[in-house]
């Protein structure tokens, strides 16, 4: 894979011990990873990397998703919101209605 055009980070609530516990994990953020990867593949967006992260410390807004290089933070993501976020990303935009403020 060449250098990705975008990097999507999804909070998986990992703690320093490696244990997953926290709101994003409890809200099943781990299931969003394969969904995002499948959607990216279906859209032909193979130049986007997806990774899970440790706790992002915004539990009240979880599950969280951050898209770089723009540094866009999205709150309470689910499959419906991810579809809109990826649509906007493909068009070179942000899904502003879901941005964490």
C-alpha atoms as a PDB file:
ATOM      1  CA  UNK A   1       0.000   0.000   0.000  1.00  0.00           C
ATOM      2  CA  UNK A   2       1.213   3.457  -0.859  1.00  0.00           C
ATOM      3  CA  UNK A   3       0.974   6.252   1.658  1.00  0.00           C
ATOM      4  CA  UNK A   4      -2.751   6.575   2.431  1.00  0.00           C
ATOM      5  CA  UNK A   5      -4.629   9.709   1.433  1.00  0.00           C
ATOM      6  CA  UNK A   6      -6.626   9.514   4.673  1.00  0.00           C
ATOM      7  CA  UNK A   7      -6.310   7.679   7.973  1.00  0.00           C
ATOM      8  CA  UNK A   8      -9.455   6.838   9.926  1.00  0.00           C
ATOM      9  CA  UNK A   9      -9.017   6.178  13.634  1.00  0.00           C
ATOM     10  CA  UNK A  10     -11.782   4.505  15.629  1.00  0.00           C
ATOM     11  CA  UNK A  11     -11.667   4.552  19.423  1.00  0.00           C
ATOM     12  CA  UNK A  12     -11.577   1.018  20.800  1.00  0.00           C
ATOM     13  CA  UNK A  13     -11.116   2.126  24.416  1.00  0.00           C
ATOM     14  CA  UNK A  14      -7.842   0.230  24.891  1.00  0.00           C
ATOM     15  CA  UNK A  15      -6.144   0.980  28.189  1.00  0.00           C
ATOM     16  CA  UNK A  16      -2.386   0.877  28.761  1.00  0.00           C
ATOM     17  CA  UNK A  17      -2.763  -2.705  29.978  1.00  0.00           C
ATOM     18  CA  UNK A  18      -4.172  -3.603  26.550  1.00  0.00           C
ATOM     19  CA  UNK A  19      -7.608  -4.228  28.021  1.00  0.00           C
ATOM     20  CA  UNK A  20     -10.630  -2.838  26.173  1.00  0.00           C
ATOM     21  CA  UNK A  21     -13.086  -1.169  28.514  1.00  0.00           C
ATOM     22  CA  UNK A  22     -14.840   2.128  28.227  1.00  0.00           C
ATOM     23  CA  UNK A  23     -17.803   3.702  26.521  1.00  0.00           C
ATOM     24  CA  UNK A  24     -16.656   3.288  22.921  1.00  0.00           C
ATOM     25  CA  UNK A  25     -15.955  -0.390  23.536  1.00  0.00           C
ATOM     26  CA  UNK A  26     -19.244  -0.825  25.392  1.00  0.00           C
ATOM     27  CA  UNK A  27     -21.044   0.824  22.467  1.00  0.00           C
ATOM     28  CA  UNK A  28     -19.474  -1.818  20.175  1.00  0.00           C
ATOM     29  CA  UNK A  29     -17.001   0.408  18.349  1.00  0.00           C
ATOM     30  CA  UNK A  30     -14.999  -2.693  17.363  1.00  0.00           C
ATOM     31  CA  UNK A  31     -17.814  -3.769  15.029  1.00  0.00           C
ATOM     32  CA  UNK A  32     -17.453  -0.487  13.144  1.00  0.00           C
ATOM     33  CA  UNK A  33     -13.963  -1.353  11.885  1.00  0.00           C
ATOM     34  CA  UNK A  34     -14.974  -4.109   9.457  1.00  0.00           C
ATOM     35  CA  UNK A  35     -18.001  -2.060   8.420  1.00  0.00           C
ATOM     36  CA  UNK A  36     -15.763   0.892   7.515  1.00  0.00           C
ATOM     37  CA  UNK A  37     -13.287  -1.350   5.687  1.00  0.00           C
ATOM     38  CA  UNK A  38     -16.080  -2.994   3.672  1.00  0.00           C
ATOM     39  CA  UNK A  39     -17.626   0.370   2.808  1.00  0.00           C
ATOM     40  CA  UNK A  40     -14.252   1.742   1.702  1.00  0.00           C
ATOM     41  CA  UNK A  41     -13.704  -1.299  -0.493  1.00  0.00           C
ATOM     42  CA  UNK A  42     -17.208  -1.050  -1.990  1.00  0.00           C
ATOM     43  CA  UNK A  43     -16.558   2.611  -2.796  1.00  0.00           C
ATOM     44  CA  UNK A  44     -13.149   1.909  -4.357  1.00  0.00           C
ATOM     45  CA  UNK A  45     -11.388   3.935  -1.648  1.00  0.00           C
ATOM     46  CA  UNK A  46      -8.454   1.540  -1.155  1.00  0.00           C
ATOM     47  CA  UNK A  47      -6.118   4.455  -0.401  1.00  0.00           C
ATOM     48  CA  UNK A  48      -7.712   5.016   3.041  1.00  0.00           C
ATOM     49  CA  UNK A  49      -6.245   3.321   6.135  1.00  0.00           C
ATOM     50  CA  UNK A  50      -8.388   2.304   9.128  1.00  0.00           C
ATOM     51  CA  UNK A  51      -7.009   1.720  12.638  1.00  0.00           C
ATOM     52  CA  UNK A  52      -8.360   1.208  16.135  1.00  0.00           C
ATOM     53  CA  UNK A  53      -6.952   3.266  18.976  1.00  0.00           C
ATOM     54  CA  UNK A  54      -6.661   3.440  22.701  1.00  0.00           C
ATOM     55  CA  UNK A  55      -9.050   5.582  24.681  1.00  0.00           C
ATOM     56  CA  UNK A  56      -9.438   9.086  23.233  1.00  0.00           C
ATOM     57  CA  UNK A  57     -10.786  10.425  26.545  1.00  0.00           C
ATOM     58  CA  UNK A  58     -14.095  11.716  25.173  1.00  0.00           C
ATOM     59  CA  UNK A  59     -16.219   8.837  26.443  1.00  0.00           C
ATOM     60  CA  UNK A  60     -19.392  10.916  26.621  1.00  0.00           C
ATOM     61  CA  UNK A  61     -19.194  11.343  22.831  1.00  0.00           C
ATOM     62  CA  UNK A  62     -18.382   7.771  21.859  1.00  0.00           C
ATOM     63  CA  UNK A  63     -17.979   5.925  19.724  1.00  0.00           C
ATOM     64  CA  UNK A  64     -15.458   8.365  18.276  1.00  0.00           C
ATOM     65  CA  UNK A  65     -13.912   8.426  14.834  1.00  0.00           C
ATOM     66  CA  UNK A  66     -11.142  10.774  13.693  1.00  0.00           C
ATOM     67  CA  UNK A  67     -10.206  11.324  10.053  1.00  0.00           C
ATOM     68  CA  UNK A  68      -6.743  12.604   9.128  1.00  0.00           C
ATOM     69  CA  UNK A  69      -5.144  14.585   7.601  1.00  0.00           C
ATOM     70  CA  UNK A  70      -7.981  17.037   8.270  1.00  0.00           C
ATOM     71  CA  UNK A  71      -8.184  16.028  11.940  1.00  0.00           C
ATOM     72  CA  UNK A  72     -11.987  15.813  11.846  1.00  0.00           C
ATOM     73  CA  UNK A  73     -13.466  14.322  15.038  1.00  0.00           C
ATOM     74  CA  UNK A  74     -16.855  12.628  14.701  1.00  0.00           C
ATOM     75  CA  UNK A  75     -19.055  11.818  17.709  1.00  0.00           C
ATOM     76  CA  UNK A  76     -21.473   8.966  18.390  1.00  0.00           C
ATOM     77  CA  UNK A  77     -20.721   7.278  15.084  1.00  0.00           C
ATOM     78  CA  UNK A  78     -22.818   4.414  13.800  1.00  0.00           C
ATOM     79  CA  UNK A  79     -23.207   2.770  10.394  1.00  0.00           C
ATOM     80  CA  UNK A  80     -25.607   5.441   9.094  1.00  0.00           C
ATOM     81  CA  UNK A  81     -23.288   8.277  10.125  1.00  0.00           C
ATOM     82  CA  UNK A  82     -20.274   6.438   8.717  1.00  0.00           C
ATOM     83  CA  UNK A  83     -21.999   6.234   5.321  1.00  0.00           C
ATOM     84  CA  UNK A  84     -22.484  10.021   5.323  1.00  0.00           C
ATOM     85  CA  UNK A  85     -18.935  10.639   6.556  1.00  0.00           C
ATOM     86  CA  UNK A  86     -17.453   8.422   3.822  1.00  0.00           C
ATOM     87  CA  UNK A  87     -19.667  10.058   1.173  1.00  0.00           C
ATOM     88  CA  UNK A  88     -18.362  13.455   2.241  1.00  0.00           C
ATOM     89  CA  UNK A  89     -14.771  12.185   2.384  1.00  0.00           C
ATOM     90  CA  UNK A  90     -15.041  10.845  -1.175  1.00  0.00           C
ATOM     91  CA  UNK A  91     -16.157  14.319  -2.267  1.00  0.00           C
ATOM     92  CA  UNK A  92     -13.298  16.007  -0.399  1.00  0.00           C
ATOM     93  CA  UNK A  93     -15.571  17.383   2.331  1.00  0.00           C
ATOM     94  CA  UNK A  94     -16.454  16.838   5.987  1.00  0.00           C
ATOM     95  CA  UNK A  95     -19.808  15.583   7.239  1.00  0.00           C
ATOM     96  CA  UNK A  96     -20.167  18.743   9.327  1.00  0.00           C
ATOM     97  CA  UNK A  97     -23.424  17.665  10.984  1.00  0.00           C
ATOM     98  CA  UNK A  98     -21.575  14.886  12.854  1.00  0.00           C
ATOM     99  CA  UNK A  99     -18.430  16.779  13.865  1.00  0.00           C
ATOM    100  CA  UNK A 100     -17.548  16.865  17.532  1.00  0.00           C
ATOM    101  CA  UNK A 101     -17.777  20.456  18.697  1.00  0.00           C
END
